[in-house]
Amino acid sequence: MTGDCAGGEVFALRVLGHDMAPEFSHGEIIVVEPDGALRDGSFVLAELADGWTLRQLCRRGDGWALRALNPAPGSAPEQPLPGLGAVRGVVIQKAVPGRRRLSKSYL
């Protein structure tokens, strides 16, 4: 993703991997709102030094952390978040291709 898009436009992405299962499974489509309200427990898309990641935002004392629901073996389930500026959007909806009734809203 680059700076060519308007900041507030909602966009969709496909989930890759299993580290956010069971809430988000490989192949599901998520809808992300760049200007969404951040709160403890929100599912967010963040840009970190090693790339983009889908995680749950968690309040930790005076700071924040990103949590994987199903971390890979040997991986830390949480990582401190240097600042909320790394968050690029909040997940507002998910859709399971071909299974409309399994769609879910996070508003």
N, C-alpha and C. Protein backbone atom coordinates (compact mmCIF):
# COMPACT_ATOMS: atom_id res chain seq x y z
N MET A 1 0.84 -1.17 0.00
CA MET A 1 0.00 0.00 0.00
C MET A 1 0.89 1.23 0.00
N THR A 2 0.46 2.21 -0.71
CA THR A 2 1.24 3.44 -0.81
C THR A 2 0.39 4.63 -0.43
N GLY A 3 1.00 5.78 -0.42
CA GLY A 3 0.31 7.01 -0.07
C GLY A 3 -0.57 7.57 -1.16
N ASP A 4 -0.81 6.86 -2.26
CA ASP A 4 -1.60 7.36 -3.36
C ASP A 4 -3.10 7.36 -3.06
N CYS A 5 -3.56 6.55 -2.12
CA CYS A 5 -4.98 6.44 -1.82
C CYS A 5 -5.38 7.51 -0.81
N ALA A 6 -6.64 7.92 -0.90
CA ALA A 6 -7.15 8.86 0.08
C ALA A 6 -7.17 8.17 1.44
N GLY A 7 -6.78 8.88 2.49
CA GLY A 7 -6.62 8.30 3.80
C GLY A 7 -7.86 7.66 4.39
N GLY A 8 -9.05 8.19 4.12
CA GLY A 8 -10.24 7.71 4.78
C GLY A 8 -11.03 6.67 4.01
N GLU A 9 -10.56 6.19 2.87
CA GLU A 9 -11.32 5.24 2.08
C GLU A 9 -11.25 3.84 2.65
N VAL A 10 -12.41 3.22 2.81
CA VAL A 10 -12.50 1.85 3.30
C VAL A 10 -11.93 0.93 2.22
N PHE A 11 -11.23 -0.14 2.64
CA PHE A 11 -10.67 -1.08 1.67
C PHE A 11 -10.80 -2.51 2.19
N ALA A 12 -10.66 -3.47 1.29
CA ALA A 12 -10.80 -4.88 1.65
C ALA A 12 -9.49 -5.61 1.40
N LEU A 13 -9.22 -6.61 2.25
CA LEU A 13 -8.03 -7.45 2.13
C LEU A 13 -8.41 -8.90 2.41
N ARG A 14 -7.63 -9.81 1.86
CA ARG A 14 -7.82 -11.24 2.14
C ARG A 14 -6.87 -11.64 3.27
N VAL A 15 -7.37 -12.40 4.23
CA VAL A 15 -6.57 -12.88 5.35
C VAL A 15 -5.66 -14.01 4.85
N LEU A 16 -4.39 -13.90 5.17
CA LEU A 16 -3.42 -14.93 4.84
C LEU A 16 -2.84 -15.48 6.13
N GLY A 17 -2.82 -16.77 6.27
CA GLY A 17 -2.26 -17.39 7.47
C GLY A 17 -3.32 -17.72 8.50
N HIS A 18 -2.85 -18.28 9.60
CA HIS A 18 -3.75 -18.80 10.63
C HIS A 18 -3.52 -18.18 12.00
N ASP A 19 -2.71 -17.13 12.09
CA ASP A 19 -2.37 -16.59 13.41
C ASP A 19 -3.48 -15.78 14.07
N MET A 20 -4.58 -15.54 13.36
CA MET A 20 -5.72 -14.85 13.99
C MET A 20 -6.95 -15.74 14.08
N ALA A 21 -6.77 -17.04 13.86
CA ALA A 21 -7.87 -18.00 14.01
C ALA A 21 -8.17 -18.16 15.50
N PRO A 22 -9.36 -18.40 15.87
CA PRO A 22 -10.51 -18.74 15.05
C PRO A 22 -11.32 -17.54 14.56
N GLU A 23 -11.00 -16.33 15.01
CA GLU A 23 -11.79 -15.15 14.60
C GLU A 23 -11.67 -14.87 13.11
N PHE A 24 -10.46 -14.97 12.56
CA PHE A 24 -10.22 -14.73 11.15
C PHE A 24 -9.46 -15.92 10.58
N SER A 25 -10.04 -16.57 9.61
CA SER A 25 -9.43 -17.75 9.00
C SER A 25 -8.80 -17.39 7.66
N HIS A 26 -7.82 -18.19 7.27
CA HIS A 26 -7.14 -18.02 5.98
C HIS A 26 -8.19 -17.97 4.86
N GLY A 27 -8.09 -16.95 4.02
CA GLY A 27 -8.99 -16.82 2.87
C GLY A 27 -10.19 -15.92 3.10
N GLU A 28 -10.50 -15.59 4.34
CA GLU A 28 -11.62 -14.69 4.58
C GLU A 28 -11.26 -13.28 4.12
N ILE A 29 -12.28 -12.49 3.84
CA ILE A 29 -12.09 -11.10 3.41
C ILE A 29 -12.43 -10.20 4.58
N ILE A 30 -11.54 -9.25 4.87
CA ILE A 30 -11.82 -8.25 5.92
C ILE A 30 -11.97 -6.89 5.27
N VAL A 31 -12.83 -6.07 5.86
CA VAL A 31 -13.03 -4.70 5.42
C VAL A 31 -12.42 -3.81 6.50
N VAL A 32 -11.52 -2.91 6.08
CA VAL A 32 -10.76 -2.08 7.00
C VAL A 32 -11.11 -0.61 6.80
N GLU A 33 -11.38 0.07 7.91
CA GLU A 33 -11.64 1.51 7.88
C GLU A 33 -10.42 2.23 8.43
N PRO A 34 -9.71 2.99 7.58
CA PRO A 34 -8.50 3.67 8.03
C PRO A 34 -8.72 4.65 9.18
N ASP A 35 -9.87 5.28 9.23
CA ASP A 35 -10.14 6.28 10.26
C ASP A 35 -11.01 5.73 11.39
N GLY A 36 -11.07 4.41 11.52
CA GLY A 36 -11.92 3.80 12.54
C GLY A 36 -11.44 4.11 13.95
N ALA A 37 -12.38 4.06 14.89
CA ALA A 37 -12.08 4.35 16.30
C ALA A 37 -11.27 3.20 16.90
N LEU A 38 -10.17 3.52 17.54
CA LEU A 38 -9.32 2.52 18.18
C LEU A 38 -9.75 2.35 19.63
N ARG A 39 -9.94 1.09 20.03
CA ARG A 39 -10.24 0.79 21.44
C ARG A 39 -9.66 -0.56 21.79
N ASP A 40 -9.52 -0.79 23.06
CA ASP A 40 -9.02 -2.05 23.56
C ASP A 40 -9.89 -3.18 23.01
N GLY A 41 -9.25 -4.17 22.37
CA GLY A 41 -9.98 -5.30 21.82
C GLY A 41 -10.29 -5.19 20.34
N SER A 42 -10.09 -4.02 19.74
CA SER A 42 -10.33 -3.86 18.30
C SER A 42 -9.37 -4.73 17.50
N PHE A 43 -9.81 -5.19 16.36
CA PHE A 43 -8.93 -5.88 15.42
C PHE A 43 -8.42 -4.83 14.44
N VAL A 44 -7.10 -4.77 14.28
CA VAL A 44 -6.50 -3.69 13.51
C VAL A 44 -5.49 -4.21 12.49
N LEU A 45 -5.24 -3.39 11.50
CA LEU A 45 -4.17 -3.61 10.55
C LEU A 45 -3.07 -2.62 10.91
N ALA A 46 -1.87 -3.15 11.17
CA ALA A 46 -0.75 -2.29 11.59
C ALA A 46 0.43 -2.48 10.65
N GLU A 47 1.19 -1.41 10.48
CA GLU A 47 2.42 -1.45 9.68
C GLU A 47 3.60 -1.41 10.64
N LEU A 48 4.33 -2.52 10.69
CA LEU A 48 5.49 -2.64 11.57
C LEU A 48 6.76 -2.73 10.72
N ALA A 49 7.91 -2.75 11.37
CA ALA A 49 9.20 -2.80 10.67
C ALA A 49 9.29 -4.01 9.74
N ASP A 50 8.67 -5.14 10.14
CA ASP A 50 8.76 -6.35 9.32
C ASP A 50 7.56 -6.53 8.39
N GLY A 51 6.71 -5.52 8.25
CA GLY A 51 5.60 -5.57 7.30
C GLY A 51 4.25 -5.31 7.94
N TRP A 52 3.20 -5.61 7.18
CA TRP A 52 1.83 -5.38 7.61
C TRP A 52 1.32 -6.58 8.39
N THR A 53 0.48 -6.33 9.39
CA THR A 53 -0.02 -7.43 10.20
C THR A 53 -1.44 -7.14 10.69
N LEU A 54 -2.24 -8.19 10.80
CA LEU A 54 -3.58 -8.14 11.37
C LEU A 54 -3.47 -8.67 12.79
N ARG A 55 -3.88 -7.88 13.77
CA ARG A 55 -3.77 -8.27 15.17
C ARG A 55 -4.91 -7.64 15.98
N GLN A 56 -5.03 -8.09 17.22
CA GLN A 56 -5.97 -7.48 18.16
C GLN A 56 -5.22 -6.45 18.99
N LEU A 57 -5.78 -5.26 19.09
CA LEU A 57 -5.18 -4.17 19.85
C LEU A 57 -5.54 -4.35 21.32
N CYS A 58 -4.53 -4.32 22.20
CA CYS A 58 -4.75 -4.54 23.63
C CYS A 58 -4.07 -3.44 24.43
N ARG A 59 -4.79 -2.90 25.39
CA ARG A 59 -4.25 -1.89 26.31
C ARG A 59 -3.36 -2.60 27.32
N ARG A 60 -2.16 -2.09 27.52
CA ARG A 60 -1.23 -2.65 28.50
C ARG A 60 -0.65 -1.51 29.31
N GLY A 61 -1.23 -1.26 30.49
CA GLY A 61 -0.79 -0.14 31.32
C GLY A 61 -1.02 1.17 30.59
N ASP A 62 0.07 1.95 30.43
CA ASP A 62 -0.03 3.23 29.73
C ASP A 62 0.19 3.07 28.23
N GLY A 63 0.46 1.86 27.76
CA GLY A 63 0.75 1.63 26.35
C GLY A 63 -0.20 0.64 25.71
N TRP A 64 0.23 0.15 24.56
CA TRP A 64 -0.59 -0.76 23.76
C TRP A 64 0.27 -1.93 23.29
N ALA A 65 -0.39 -3.02 22.96
CA ALA A 65 0.28 -4.19 22.37
C ALA A 65 -0.60 -4.75 21.27
N LEU A 66 0.02 -5.52 20.39
CA LEU A 66 -0.71 -6.24 19.35
C LEU A 66 -0.67 -7.72 19.70
N ARG A 67 -1.83 -8.37 19.65
CA ARG A 67 -1.93 -9.76 20.08
C ARG A 67 -2.39 -10.66 18.94
N ALA A 68 -1.68 -11.75 18.74
CA ALA A 68 -2.10 -12.81 17.82
C ALA A 68 -2.98 -13.77 18.60
N LEU A 69 -4.11 -14.17 18.04
CA LEU A 69 -5.00 -15.09 18.73
C LEU A 69 -4.48 -16.52 18.69
N ASN A 70 -3.72 -16.86 17.65
CA ASN A 70 -3.22 -18.21 17.46
C ASN A 70 -1.78 -18.12 16.95
N PRO A 71 -0.85 -17.68 17.81
CA PRO A 71 0.52 -17.44 17.33
C PRO A 71 1.19 -18.73 16.87
N ALA A 72 2.08 -18.59 15.91
CA ALA A 72 2.86 -19.73 15.42
C ALA A 72 3.74 -20.24 16.56
N PRO A 73 4.01 -21.54 16.57
CA PRO A 73 4.90 -22.09 17.61
C PRO A 73 6.22 -21.34 17.66
N GLY A 74 6.63 -20.97 18.85
CA GLY A 74 7.88 -20.24 19.03
C GLY A 74 7.74 -18.73 18.90
N SER A 75 6.57 -18.26 18.49
CA SER A 75 6.33 -16.82 18.35
C SER A 75 5.70 -16.27 19.62
N ALA A 76 6.00 -15.04 19.92
CA ALA A 76 5.39 -14.38 21.07
C ALA A 76 3.93 -14.06 20.74
N PRO A 77 3.01 -14.32 21.66
CA PRO A 77 1.60 -14.02 21.39
C PRO A 77 1.32 -12.52 21.32
N GLU A 78 2.15 -11.72 21.98
CA GLU A 78 1.97 -10.27 21.95
C GLU A 78 3.27 -9.58 21.63
N GLN A 79 3.13 -8.39 21.03
CA GLN A 79 4.29 -7.55 20.83
C GLN A 79 3.90 -6.12 21.16
N PRO A 80 4.79 -5.42 21.90
CA PRO A 80 4.48 -4.04 22.24
C PRO A 80 4.32 -3.20 20.98
N LEU A 81 3.43 -2.25 21.04
CA LEU A 81 3.20 -1.34 19.93
C LEU A 81 3.88 -0.02 20.25
N PRO A 82 4.83 0.41 19.41
CA PRO A 82 5.57 1.64 19.72
C PRO A 82 4.69 2.88 19.81
N GLY A 83 3.57 2.87 19.14
CA GLY A 83 2.65 4.00 19.17
C GLY A 83 1.46 3.70 18.28
N LEU A 84 0.35 4.36 18.52
CA LEU A 84 -0.84 4.10 17.72
C LEU A 84 -0.69 4.57 16.28
N GLY A 85 0.37 5.32 15.98
CA GLY A 85 0.62 5.75 14.61
C GLY A 85 0.90 4.59 13.67
N ALA A 86 1.29 3.44 14.21
CA ALA A 86 1.55 2.26 13.38
C ALA A 86 0.26 1.60 12.91
N VAL A 87 -0.86 1.91 13.56
CA VAL A 87 -2.14 1.33 13.18
C VAL A 87 -2.66 2.05 11.95
N ARG A 88 -2.96 1.27 10.92
CA ARG A 88 -3.41 1.85 9.64
C ARG A 88 -4.90 1.71 9.41
N GLY A 89 -5.58 0.97 10.28
CA GLY A 89 -7.02 0.84 10.13
C GLY A 89 -7.61 -0.16 11.09
N VAL A 90 -8.95 -0.10 11.23
CA VAL A 90 -9.70 -0.97 12.11
C VAL A 90 -10.59 -1.87 11.26
N VAL A 91 -10.60 -3.16 11.59
CA VAL A 91 -11.48 -4.09 10.88
C VAL A 91 -12.92 -3.80 11.28
N ILE A 92 -13.78 -3.55 10.28
CA ILE A 92 -15.18 -3.26 10.56
C ILE A 92 -16.11 -4.38 10.10
N GLN A 93 -15.57 -5.30 9.27
CA GLN A 93 -16.42 -6.39 8.79
C GLN A 93 -15.54 -7.51 8.26
N LYS A 94 -16.06 -8.74 8.31
CA LYS A 94 -15.40 -9.86 7.64
C LYS A 94 -16.45 -10.60 6.84
N ALA A 95 -15.99 -11.21 5.76
CA ALA A 95 -16.87 -11.99 4.90
C ALA A 95 -16.18 -13.30 4.56
N VAL A 96 -16.95 -14.36 4.53
CA VAL A 96 -16.45 -15.65 4.14
C VAL A 96 -16.92 -15.89 2.71
N PRO A 97 -16.02 -15.93 1.73
CA PRO A 97 -16.44 -16.09 0.34
C PRO A 97 -17.37 -17.29 0.17
N GLY A 98 -18.53 -17.05 -0.46
CA GLY A 98 -19.50 -18.10 -0.73
C GLY A 98 -20.39 -18.47 0.44
N ARG A 99 -20.24 -17.79 1.57
CA ARG A 99 -21.03 -18.12 2.77
C ARG A 99 -21.50 -16.84 3.45
N ARG A 100 -22.43 -16.18 2.80
CA ARG A 100 -22.90 -14.87 3.24
C ARG A 100 -23.35 -14.83 4.70
N ARG A 101 -24.01 -15.86 5.18
CA ARG A 101 -24.52 -15.79 6.56
C ARG A 101 -23.41 -15.89 7.61
N LEU A 102 -22.18 -16.21 7.20
CA LEU A 102 -21.08 -16.22 8.14
C LEU A 102 -20.37 -14.87 8.23
N SER A 103 -20.86 -13.88 7.48
CA SER A 103 -20.29 -12.54 7.55
C SER A 103 -20.54 -11.97 8.94
N LYS A 104 -19.66 -11.06 9.37
CA LYS A 104 -19.75 -10.49 10.71
C LYS A 104 -19.34 -9.04 10.67
N SER A 105 -20.04 -8.20 11.43
CA SER A 105 -19.71 -6.78 11.55
C SER A 105 -19.02 -6.54 12.88
N TYR A 106 -18.07 -5.62 12.91
CA TYR A 106 -17.32 -5.27 14.13
C TYR A 106 -17.57 -3.82 14.54
N LEU A 107 -18.68 -3.26 14.16
CA LEU A 107 -18.98 -1.88 14.54
C LEU A 107 -19.62 -1.78 15.88
